[in-house]
């Protein structure tokens, strides 16, 4: 039996049914074809086979979705009449419904993105927990009473948080379901409506989530889902009736979105690229640090903006750490996400596969050394790539400066704290960083010097839905998640009333 046949034999009936017919756009509570009838293929990166045809949204469809979202937001609509308590109950119900269908979401995510079923289950669980966490915030978006005193006159002054309006959420392909949740949840928690544009490589779980939201009772037009390409996203950014753009993706695209949004000064939040430094001192728990370095660099096939792709190791333990990380890389089982023993699936697409191979080949041409992995594809079929560790790297090599978004770690030795802090901060990015040392004074001191939105000390990828995330420098604007994440989805209004 072929790999594809084995995979298909494991599909749940709901997943098989979902893939049995072309997938449409979700606009105003209805499943509709693209106005021009265009479709595109979404491909299984493990087999290179087409999973299903998906409607390809155009600028015309973007306008249709924005109009629906605006109408759903306006006063008098069912959504505008829903109280914060009712929104809270709705959000909680959605979280429970995702929990009930975790395996369905996981199978679709693994098929469309390539990641292992175990990883995809974890992503679906995070999405469910996000809905429940924000359910609590729906009733707690409170204003503040402000003392105001004018001789001979009495006033009552206060602030209140109000929904912005229509949000355009544009998400990447590395965590399709959780990134969709990152945009949808704070939008509807605050009372906004949203048009979600999933990545063209991975539209399926966003569409399946849209189906679930309708079942849960989300009113028509509150959440619209537009699979398609960059022109659909650009149309949302340019649309004068969109009040906010929430984007996760590359810094290059983020700059274009910021420029486009300036046309009507719509609000923008951006979580962009990263090139995170991971620093191991000679007094670190080396067993933990080696395991942490492998997790930092190879998690999610290396397709994660906070991955620790730049490894700095104090010189007297450099060889020991490199040996350990190389052994960990070689122990990773690369394979189809549906195989139970797979710990690393394929890269998401042919384009990404060729990009990563190009960076590694370029590093070899520049004189670097491959300690683990290979510059070549790891299988004849599928976009598989072996976890790779590279030494002999200089700070000006492209493999060291550019965000690769693949399972590639570069390693450089260092001697002093000042030296490594300067090297770690020598990047346009500032999304994440890490420090390993048994001396907590060293860990906290060095961590405080690193210009990054998240700094891990003696760990990596430890996270929680209550914690904000975002970046310094060219890694973004604003923060997502936690109570901080709601601020960017609301307007702050000041009310001043004279008492007579």
Protein backbone atom coordinates (compact mmCIF):
# COMPACT_ATOMS: atom_id res chain seq x y z
CA UNK A 1 0.00 0.00 0.00
CA UNK A 2 1.35 3.45 -0.93
CA UNK A 3 2.00 6.14 1.69
CA UNK A 4 -0.94 8.12 0.36
CA UNK A 5 -3.26 5.10 0.53
CA UNK A 6 -2.17 4.32 4.09
CA UNK A 7 -2.80 7.94 5.03
CA UNK A 8 -6.24 7.98 3.43
CA UNK A 9 -7.22 4.80 5.22
CA UNK A 10 -6.72 6.59 8.56
CA UNK A 11 -8.95 9.56 7.77
CA UNK A 12 -11.96 10.17 9.96
CA UNK A 13 -15.32 10.23 8.13
CA UNK A 14 -15.74 13.96 8.82
CA UNK A 15 -12.34 14.68 7.27
CA UNK A 16 -13.00 12.50 4.23
CA UNK A 17 -16.33 14.24 3.76
CA UNK A 18 -14.71 17.67 4.07
CA UNK A 19 -12.18 16.78 1.36
CA UNK A 20 -14.74 15.17 -0.96
CA UNK A 21 -15.84 18.41 -2.66
CA UNK A 22 -14.28 21.79 -3.50
CA UNK A 23 -14.11 24.18 -0.56
CA UNK A 24 -15.80 27.56 -0.87
CA UNK A 25 -15.42 31.03 0.66
CA UNK A 26 -17.29 31.87 3.85
CA UNK A 27 -19.00 35.25 3.39
CA UNK A 28 -21.94 36.53 5.44
CA UNK A 29 -22.67 33.13 6.94
CA UNK A 30 -22.87 31.39 3.56
CA UNK A 31 -20.51 29.13 1.62
CA UNK A 32 -20.05 30.73 -1.79
CA UNK A 33 -17.84 30.38 -4.86
CA UNK A 34 -15.35 33.08 -5.76
CA UNK A 35 -17.07 35.71 -7.90
CA UNK A 36 -14.88 34.90 -10.91
CA UNK A 37 -15.09 31.15 -10.30
CA UNK A 38 -11.34 30.76 -9.77
CA UNK A 39 -9.98 27.92 -7.64
CA UNK A 40 -6.56 26.68 -6.58
CA UNK A 41 -5.14 23.36 -5.41
CA UNK A 42 -4.04 22.83 -1.85
CA UNK A 43 -1.31 20.19 -1.74
CA UNK A 44 -0.20 17.59 0.79
CA UNK A 45 3.51 18.42 1.28
CA UNK A 46 4.29 14.84 2.33
CA UNK A 47 3.01 13.30 -0.90
CA UNK A 48 2.87 16.28 -3.30
CA UNK A 49 -0.70 15.18 -4.10
CA UNK A 50 -3.64 17.57 -4.41
CA UNK A 51 -5.94 17.37 -1.39
CA UNK A 52 -8.86 19.44 -2.69
CA UNK A 53 -9.64 22.46 -4.82
CA UNK A 54 -10.30 25.68 -2.90
CA UNK A 55 -12.11 28.83 -4.02
CA UNK A 56 -9.62 31.61 -4.80
CA UNK A 57 -10.81 34.94 -3.42
CA UNK A 58 -10.19 38.09 -5.45
CA UNK A 59 -10.41 41.78 -4.60
CA UNK A 60 -14.12 41.62 -5.48
CA UNK A 61 -14.63 38.85 -2.93
CA UNK A 62 -12.66 40.82 -0.35
CA UNK A 63 -15.08 43.69 -0.82
CA UNK A 64 -18.06 41.33 -0.47
CA UNK A 65 -16.64 40.04 2.81
CA UNK A 66 -15.87 43.50 4.18
CA UNK A 67 -19.40 44.67 3.40
CA UNK A 68 -20.78 41.63 5.22
CA UNK A 69 -18.52 42.26 8.21
CA UNK A 70 -19.49 45.95 8.32
CA UNK A 71 -23.19 45.15 8.22
CA UNK A 72 -22.75 42.58 10.98
CA UNK A 73 -20.96 45.14 13.13
CA UNK A 74 -23.38 48.04 12.74
CA UNK A 75 -25.83 49.05 15.47
CA UNK A 76 -28.99 46.99 15.47
CA UNK A 77 -27.37 43.83 14.13
CA UNK A 78 -27.69 40.55 16.08
CA UNK A 79 -23.97 40.79 16.88
CA UNK A 80 -24.16 44.36 18.20
CA UNK A 81 -27.06 43.34 20.47
CA UNK A 82 -25.12 40.43 21.98
CA UNK A 83 -23.97 41.25 25.49
CA UNK A 84 -20.42 40.64 26.75
CA UNK A 85 -21.76 37.79 28.88
CA UNK A 86 -23.35 36.19 25.82
CA UNK A 87 -20.10 36.58 23.87
CA UNK A 88 -18.29 34.94 26.78
CA UNK A 89 -20.61 31.93 26.71
CA UNK A 90 -20.22 31.68 22.92
CA UNK A 91 -16.43 31.71 23.12
CA UNK A 92 -16.43 29.01 25.79
CA UNK A 93 -18.78 26.87 23.73
CA UNK A 94 -16.48 27.16 20.70
CA UNK A 95 -13.49 26.03 22.78
CA UNK A 96 -15.38 22.93 23.91
CA UNK A 97 -16.47 22.16 20.36
CA UNK A 98 -12.85 22.31 19.14
CA UNK A 99 -11.89 19.92 21.94
CA UNK A 100 -14.55 17.51 20.72
CA UNK A 101 -13.04 17.62 17.22
CA UNK A 102 -9.33 17.79 17.95
CA UNK A 103 -8.58 14.70 15.88
CA UNK A 104 -10.45 16.12 12.88
CA UNK A 105 -8.56 19.40 13.08
CA UNK A 106 -5.29 17.52 13.60
CA UNK A 107 -5.75 15.35 10.53
CA UNK A 108 -6.59 18.32 8.33
CA UNK A 109 -3.63 20.28 9.68
CA UNK A 110 -1.22 17.41 9.15
CA UNK A 111 -2.49 16.83 5.61
CA UNK A 112 -2.32 20.48 4.62
CA UNK A 113 0.78 21.62 6.52
CA UNK A 114 2.78 18.39 6.91
CA UNK A 115 3.40 18.50 10.66
CA UNK A 116 3.00 15.36 12.74
CA UNK A 117 -0.40 14.44 14.11
CA UNK A 118 0.95 14.83 17.63
CA UNK A 119 2.02 18.41 16.90
CA UNK A 120 -1.25 19.18 15.15
CA UNK A 121 -3.24 17.87 18.12
CA UNK A 122 -1.27 20.17 20.37
CA UNK A 123 -2.04 23.14 18.11
CA UNK A 124 -5.75 22.35 18.17
CA UNK A 125 -5.66 22.08 21.95
CA UNK A 126 -4.05 25.52 22.16
CA UNK A 127 -6.79 26.96 19.94
CA UNK A 128 -9.48 25.50 22.20
CA UNK A 129 -7.81 26.88 25.31
CA UNK A 130 -7.46 30.31 23.69
CA UNK A 131 -11.20 30.51 23.15
CA UNK A 132 -11.86 29.60 26.78
CA UNK A 133 -9.22 32.01 28.11
CA UNK A 134 -10.58 34.97 26.17
CA UNK A 135 -14.12 34.01 27.15
CA UNK A 136 -13.22 35.36 30.59
CA UNK A 137 -12.04 38.67 29.16
CA UNK A 138 -15.25 39.38 27.26
CA UNK A 139 -16.89 40.56 30.49
CA UNK A 140 -13.83 42.33 31.89
CA UNK A 141 -12.99 44.98 29.32
CA UNK A 142 -13.62 47.77 31.76
CA UNK A 143 -13.01 51.49 31.66
CA UNK A 144 -11.84 53.79 34.44
CA UNK A 145 -13.49 56.60 36.34
CA UNK A 146 -11.28 59.70 36.24
CA UNK A 147 -11.48 62.47 38.87
CA UNK A 148 -12.23 65.81 37.26
CA UNK A 149 -12.50 69.05 39.16
CA UNK A 150 -13.47 72.51 37.89
CA UNK A 151 -14.39 75.17 40.48
CA UNK A 152 -18.13 75.70 40.63
CA UNK A 153 -18.97 72.89 38.18
CA UNK A 154 -19.45 69.16 38.68
CA UNK A 155 -18.41 66.55 36.16
CA UNK A 156 -18.39 62.78 35.83
CA UNK A 157 -15.54 61.59 33.60
CA UNK A 158 -14.73 58.03 32.62
CA UNK A 159 -13.13 55.90 29.92
CA UNK A 160 -14.51 52.85 28.14
CA UNK A 161 -13.13 50.28 25.76
CA UNK A 162 -15.07 49.88 22.53
CA UNK A 163 -14.71 47.60 19.53
CA UNK A 164 -12.73 49.02 16.60
CA UNK A 165 -15.04 47.71 13.87
CA UNK A 166 -13.97 45.48 10.97
CA UNK A 167 -10.69 43.59 11.35
CA UNK A 168 -8.71 42.01 8.52
CA UNK A 169 -6.73 39.04 9.87
CA UNK A 170 -3.95 37.74 7.62
CA UNK A 171 -2.19 34.61 8.84
CA UNK A 172 0.76 32.40 7.81
CA UNK A 173 1.08 28.72 7.04
CA UNK A 174 3.29 27.47 9.88
CA UNK A 175 0.53 27.26 12.53
CA UNK A 176 -2.62 27.65 10.42
CA UNK A 177 -5.24 26.88 13.08
CA UNK A 178 -3.64 28.62 16.05
CA UNK A 179 -2.75 31.69 13.98
CA UNK A 180 -6.36 31.89 12.78
CA UNK A 181 -7.43 31.70 16.42
CA UNK A 182 -4.94 34.45 17.34
CA UNK A 183 -6.81 36.84 15.01
CA UNK A 184 -10.41 35.69 15.36
CA UNK A 185 -10.57 35.36 19.14
CA UNK A 186 -9.51 38.86 20.30
CA UNK A 187 -11.56 40.35 17.46
CA UNK A 188 -14.84 38.81 18.53
CA UNK A 189 -14.05 39.00 22.24
CA UNK A 190 -13.96 42.78 21.87
CA UNK A 191 -17.13 42.81 19.73
CA UNK A 192 -15.49 43.35 16.34
CA UNK A 193 -16.18 41.48 13.13
CA UNK A 194 -13.40 39.96 11.05
CA UNK A 195 -12.40 38.87 7.56
CA UNK A 196 -9.76 36.15 7.86
CA UNK A 197 -7.35 35.53 5.00
CA UNK A 198 -5.51 32.21 5.59
CA UNK A 199 -2.27 31.38 3.76
CA UNK A 200 -2.81 29.89 0.33
CA UNK A 201 -0.62 26.91 1.30
CA UNK A 202 -2.82 25.92 4.26
CA UNK A 203 -6.46 27.03 4.04
CA UNK A 204 -8.21 23.91 5.29
CA UNK A 205 -8.33 24.26 9.08
CA UNK A 206 -9.39 27.90 8.81
CA UNK A 207 -12.31 26.81 6.65
CA UNK A 208 -13.14 23.96 9.01
CA UNK A 209 -13.05 26.42 11.90
CA UNK A 210 -15.41 28.70 9.98
CA UNK A 211 -17.82 25.78 9.64
CA UNK A 212 -17.61 25.11 13.38
CA UNK A 213 -18.21 28.79 14.24
CA UNK A 214 -21.44 28.77 12.27
CA UNK A 215 -22.54 25.62 14.10
CA UNK A 216 -21.70 27.28 17.42
CA UNK A 217 -24.05 30.18 16.67
CA UNK A 218 -21.71 32.96 15.55
CA UNK A 219 -24.01 35.35 13.62
CA UNK A 220 -23.66 35.71 9.87
CA UNK A 221 -20.94 38.12 8.76
CA UNK A 222 -19.11 38.20 12.08
CA UNK A 223 -16.38 35.83 10.85
CA UNK A 224 -15.67 35.57 7.12
CA UNK A 225 -12.96 33.33 5.64
CA UNK A 226 -11.27 34.16 2.32
CA UNK A 227 -8.73 31.62 1.07
CA UNK A 228 -6.64 33.01 -1.74
CA UNK A 229 -3.38 34.67 -2.67
CA UNK A 230 -1.67 37.96 -1.97
CA UNK A 231 -4.05 40.02 -4.07
CA UNK A 232 -6.91 39.19 -1.72
CA UNK A 233 -4.83 40.16 1.29
CA UNK A 234 -3.73 43.40 -0.38
CA UNK A 235 -7.35 44.25 -1.15
CA UNK A 236 -8.20 43.92 2.53
CA UNK A 237 -5.25 46.11 3.53
CA UNK A 238 -6.28 48.78 1.01
CA UNK A 239 -10.00 48.66 1.82
CA UNK A 240 -11.21 51.91 3.36
CA UNK A 241 -13.92 50.14 5.36
CA UNK A 242 -11.41 47.93 7.21
CA UNK A 243 -10.55 49.49 10.56
CA UNK A 244 -7.62 47.29 11.58
CA UNK A 245 -5.20 44.82 10.02
CA UNK A 246 -3.74 42.07 12.19
CA UNK A 247 -0.91 40.28 10.38
CA UNK A 248 1.52 37.50 11.19
CA UNK A 249 4.19 36.73 8.62
CA UNK A 250 7.40 37.96 7.07
CA UNK A 251 8.94 41.35 7.80
CA UNK A 252 9.02 42.12 4.06
CA UNK A 253 5.24 41.69 3.74
CA UNK A 254 4.69 43.45 7.06
CA UNK A 255 6.33 46.59 5.70
CA UNK A 256 4.04 46.52 2.68
CA UNK A 257 1.00 46.15 4.94
CA UNK A 258 2.11 49.07 7.11
CA UNK A 259 2.48 51.23 3.99
CA UNK A 260 -0.88 50.17 2.57
CA UNK A 261 -2.70 50.72 5.85
CA UNK A 262 -1.39 54.28 6.00
CA UNK A 263 -3.78 55.30 3.20
CA UNK A 264 -6.61 55.67 5.71
CA UNK A 265 -4.53 55.28 8.89
CA UNK A 266 -6.18 52.01 9.88
CA UNK A 267 -4.71 50.40 12.96
CA UNK A 268 -2.08 47.72 12.40
CA UNK A 269 -0.57 45.00 14.56
CA UNK A 270 2.30 42.95 13.17
CA UNK A 271 4.10 39.84 14.38
CA UNK A 272 6.94 39.47 11.91
CA UNK A 273 10.17 37.60 11.30
CA UNK A 274 12.82 36.45 13.72
CA UNK A 275 16.37 35.17 13.88
CA UNK A 276 16.59 34.26 17.54
CA UNK A 277 19.95 33.90 19.32
CA UNK A 278 20.34 31.01 21.76
CA UNK A 279 23.28 31.47 24.16
CA UNK A 280 24.85 28.60 26.13
CA UNK A 281 27.40 29.48 28.83
CA UNK A 282 30.01 26.99 30.03
CA UNK A 283 28.33 26.66 33.44
CA UNK A 284 24.96 25.62 31.97
CA UNK A 285 23.34 22.26 32.59
CA UNK A 286 24.69 20.99 29.28
CA UNK A 287 22.34 18.03 29.00
CA UNK A 288 19.34 20.33 29.32
CA UNK A 289 20.92 23.01 27.13
CA UNK A 290 21.69 20.55 24.32
CA UNK A 291 18.12 19.20 24.35
CA UNK A 292 16.84 22.77 24.52
CA UNK A 293 19.00 23.87 21.59
CA UNK A 294 17.65 21.04 19.43
CA UNK A 295 14.08 21.91 20.40
CA UNK A 296 14.74 25.60 19.79
CA UNK A 297 16.04 25.04 16.27
CA UNK A 298 14.02 22.09 15.01
CA UNK A 299 10.58 22.60 16.55
CA UNK A 300 7.78 22.62 13.95
CA UNK A 301 10.22 21.66 11.17
CA UNK A 302 12.11 24.86 11.97
CA UNK A 303 9.14 26.77 10.56
CA UNK A 304 8.60 28.99 13.56
CA UNK A 305 9.48 32.67 13.88
CA UNK A 306 10.74 32.30 17.48
CA UNK A 307 12.99 29.31 16.79
CA UNK A 308 16.54 29.57 18.12
CA UNK A 309 18.36 29.29 14.81
CA UNK A 310 21.54 31.15 15.90
CA UNK A 311 23.37 29.09 18.51
CA UNK A 312 26.20 30.71 20.47
CA UNK A 313 28.24 28.42 22.74
CA UNK A 314 31.07 29.39 25.09
CA UNK A 315 34.27 28.14 23.52
CA UNK A 316 35.44 25.62 26.13
CA UNK A 317 32.19 23.60 25.84
CA UNK A 318 31.55 24.28 22.15
CA UNK A 319 32.66 20.86 20.84
CA UNK A 320 30.66 19.03 23.51
CA UNK A 321 27.49 20.97 22.75
CA UNK A 322 27.89 20.59 18.99
CA UNK A 323 28.34 16.85 19.37
CA UNK A 324 25.19 16.65 21.47
CA UNK A 325 23.02 18.78 19.18
CA UNK A 326 24.25 16.86 16.13
CA UNK A 327 23.30 13.58 17.82
CA UNK A 328 19.86 14.99 18.65
CA UNK A 329 19.39 16.12 15.04
CA UNK A 330 20.32 12.71 13.69
CA UNK A 331 17.85 11.03 16.08
CA UNK A 332 14.89 13.00 14.74
CA UNK A 333 12.59 10.82 12.61
CA UNK A 334 11.67 12.66 9.43
CA UNK A 335 8.55 11.31 7.76
CA UNK A 336 4.87 11.57 6.95
CA UNK A 337 2.94 13.27 9.75
CA UNK A 338 0.48 10.37 9.87
CA UNK A 339 3.25 7.90 10.81
CA UNK A 340 3.21 7.35 14.57
CA UNK A 341 7.01 7.52 14.92
CA UNK A 342 7.43 10.73 12.89
CA UNK A 343 8.86 13.64 14.88
CA UNK A 344 9.49 15.97 11.94
CA UNK A 345 7.26 16.26 8.90
CA UNK A 346 8.04 17.89 5.55
CA UNK A 347 8.45 21.57 4.84
CA UNK A 348 5.22 23.20 3.76
CA UNK A 349 5.78 23.65 0.02
CA UNK A 350 8.13 23.19 -2.91
CA UNK A 351 8.98 26.89 -2.74
CA UNK A 352 9.97 26.67 0.91
CA UNK A 353 11.87 23.43 0.32
CA UNK A 354 13.97 25.01 -2.42
CA UNK A 355 14.56 28.12 -0.32
CA UNK A 356 15.95 26.16 2.63
CA UNK A 357 18.12 23.96 0.42
CA UNK A 358 19.46 27.10 -1.25
CA UNK A 359 20.53 28.66 2.04
CA UNK A 360 22.36 25.52 3.17
CA UNK A 361 24.10 25.08 -0.18
CA UNK A 362 25.11 28.73 -0.08
CA UNK A 363 26.62 28.27 3.37
CA UNK A 364 28.70 25.33 2.13
CA UNK A 365 29.89 27.39 -0.83
CA UNK A 366 30.87 30.15 1.61
CA UNK A 367 33.07 27.72 3.55
CA UNK A 368 30.78 26.56 6.37
CA UNK A 369 30.67 22.94 7.58
CA UNK A 370 27.63 20.68 7.84
CA UNK A 371 27.88 18.67 11.07
CA UNK A 372 24.43 17.09 10.79
CA UNK A 373 21.93 17.02 7.98
CA UNK A 374 22.40 17.71 4.29
CA UNK A 375 21.91 20.46 1.71
CA UNK A 376 19.79 18.07 -0.35
CA UNK A 377 16.23 16.79 -0.15
CA UNK A 378 15.67 13.98 2.33
CA UNK A 379 13.31 11.93 0.14
CA UNK A 380 12.49 11.50 -3.54
CA UNK A 381 8.86 12.51 -2.98
CA UNK A 382 7.58 15.06 -0.53
CA UNK A 383 9.23 18.25 0.71
CA UNK A 384 11.32 16.55 3.36
CA UNK A 385 14.51 18.09 4.69
CA UNK A 386 16.82 16.73 7.37
CA UNK A 387 17.46 18.76 10.53
CA UNK A 388 20.76 20.47 9.84
CA UNK A 389 23.54 21.87 12.05
CA UNK A 390 26.20 24.14 10.55
CA UNK A 391 29.50 25.34 12.02
CA UNK A 392 32.30 27.46 10.57
CA UNK A 393 29.80 30.26 10.07
CA UNK A 394 30.61 33.98 10.05
CA UNK A 395 28.24 36.75 11.05
CA UNK A 396 27.95 38.09 7.51
CA UNK A 397 26.83 34.83 5.85
CA UNK A 398 23.25 34.79 4.58
CA UNK A 399 22.55 31.61 6.54
CA UNK A 400 23.38 33.59 9.70
CA UNK A 401 21.60 36.86 8.93
CA UNK A 402 18.43 35.82 7.07
CA UNK A 403 15.32 34.16 8.43
CA UNK A 404 15.42 30.74 6.76
CA UNK A 405 12.28 29.18 8.25
CA UNK A 406 13.56 25.63 8.11
CA UNK A 407 15.28 23.12 10.43
CA UNK A 408 18.69 24.80 10.22
CA UNK A 409 20.87 25.82 13.19
CA UNK A 410 24.10 27.76 12.80
CA UNK A 411 26.60 27.53 15.67
CA UNK A 412 29.37 29.98 16.60
CA UNK A 413 31.72 29.86 19.63
CA UNK A 414 32.19 32.89 21.91
CA UNK A 415 34.53 33.86 24.74
CA UNK A 416 33.03 36.73 26.75
CA UNK A 417 29.62 37.94 27.82
CA UNK A 418 30.00 41.32 26.14
CA UNK A 419 31.05 39.64 22.91
CA UNK A 420 28.05 37.34 22.74
CA UNK A 421 25.52 40.02 23.71
CA UNK A 422 26.79 42.23 20.89
CA UNK A 423 26.60 39.35 18.42
CA UNK A 424 23.15 38.27 19.59
CA UNK A 425 21.75 41.78 19.15
CA UNK A 426 23.44 42.25 15.77
CA UNK A 427 20.26 41.60 13.79
CA UNK A 428 17.32 43.57 12.43
CA UNK A 429 15.03 41.16 14.27
CA UNK A 430 14.00 41.04 17.92
CA UNK A 431 11.31 38.42 18.42
CA UNK A 432 12.92 35.91 20.81
CA UNK A 433 16.18 34.94 22.50
CA UNK A 434 17.46 32.48 25.08
CA UNK A 435 20.17 32.10 27.71
CA UNK A 436 21.43 28.95 29.45
CA UNK A 437 23.42 29.27 32.70
CA UNK A 438 23.18 27.75 36.18
CA UNK A 439 24.10 31.18 37.54
CA UNK A 440 20.70 32.89 37.64
CA UNK A 441 22.42 36.25 37.98
CA UNK A 442 24.17 35.66 34.67
CA UNK A 443 21.00 34.38 33.02
CA UNK A 444 18.90 37.35 34.10
CA UNK A 445 21.63 39.92 33.46
CA UNK A 446 22.30 38.70 29.94
CA UNK A 447 18.60 38.22 29.27
CA UNK A 448 17.95 41.85 30.20
CA UNK A 449 20.49 42.98 27.60
CA UNK A 450 18.91 41.05 24.72
CA UNK A 451 16.61 43.09 22.49
CA UNK A 452 13.75 40.67 22.04
CA UNK A 453 10.07 40.47 22.87
CA UNK A 454 10.41 37.05 24.54
CA UNK A 455 13.52 35.88 26.37
CA UNK A 456 13.71 32.30 27.65
CA UNK A 457 16.11 31.48 30.50
CA UNK A 458 17.17 27.82 30.82
CA UNK A 459 14.25 26.73 28.65
CA UNK A 460 12.81 27.27 25.18
CA UNK A 461 9.29 27.33 23.75
CA UNK A 462 7.76 27.39 27.23
CA UNK A 463 4.54 29.32 26.62
CA UNK A 464 1.01 29.96 27.85
CA UNK A 465 -2.10 31.60 26.40
CA UNK A 466 -1.98 34.19 29.19
CA UNK A 467 1.38 35.58 28.05
CA UNK A 468 1.78 38.38 25.48
CA UNK A 469 3.94 37.85 22.44
CA UNK A 470 5.46 40.22 19.92
CA UNK A 471 8.77 41.68 18.87
CA UNK A 472 11.29 44.50 19.07
CA UNK A 473 12.83 46.20 16.04
CA UNK A 474 11.70 44.77 12.69
CA UNK A 475 9.94 41.85 14.35
CA UNK A 476 6.70 43.72 14.66
CA UNK A 477 4.30 46.20 16.23
CA UNK A 478 2.03 45.52 19.19
CA UNK A 479 1.40 42.38 21.21
CA UNK A 480 -0.89 39.39 20.90
CA UNK A 481 -2.51 37.21 23.57
CA UNK A 482 -2.89 37.85 27.26
CA UNK A 483 -4.87 40.86 28.42
CA UNK A 484 -2.38 43.02 26.51
CA UNK A 485 -3.56 41.53 23.23
CA UNK A 486 -7.04 43.01 23.56
CA UNK A 487 -5.82 46.61 23.61
CA UNK A 488 -5.01 46.55 19.90
CA UNK A 489 -8.57 45.40 19.11
CA UNK A 490 -10.31 48.22 20.95
CA UNK A 491 -10.64 51.99 20.89
CA UNK A 492 -10.34 53.96 24.13
CA UNK A 493 -13.12 56.49 24.50
CA UNK A 494 -13.18 59.29 27.10
CA UNK A 495 -16.62 60.48 28.24
CA UNK A 496 -17.06 63.78 30.12
CA UNK A 497 -20.50 64.61 31.48
CA UNK A 498 -21.40 67.80 33.31
CA UNK A 499 -23.78 67.17 36.19
CA UNK A 500 -26.60 69.71 36.42
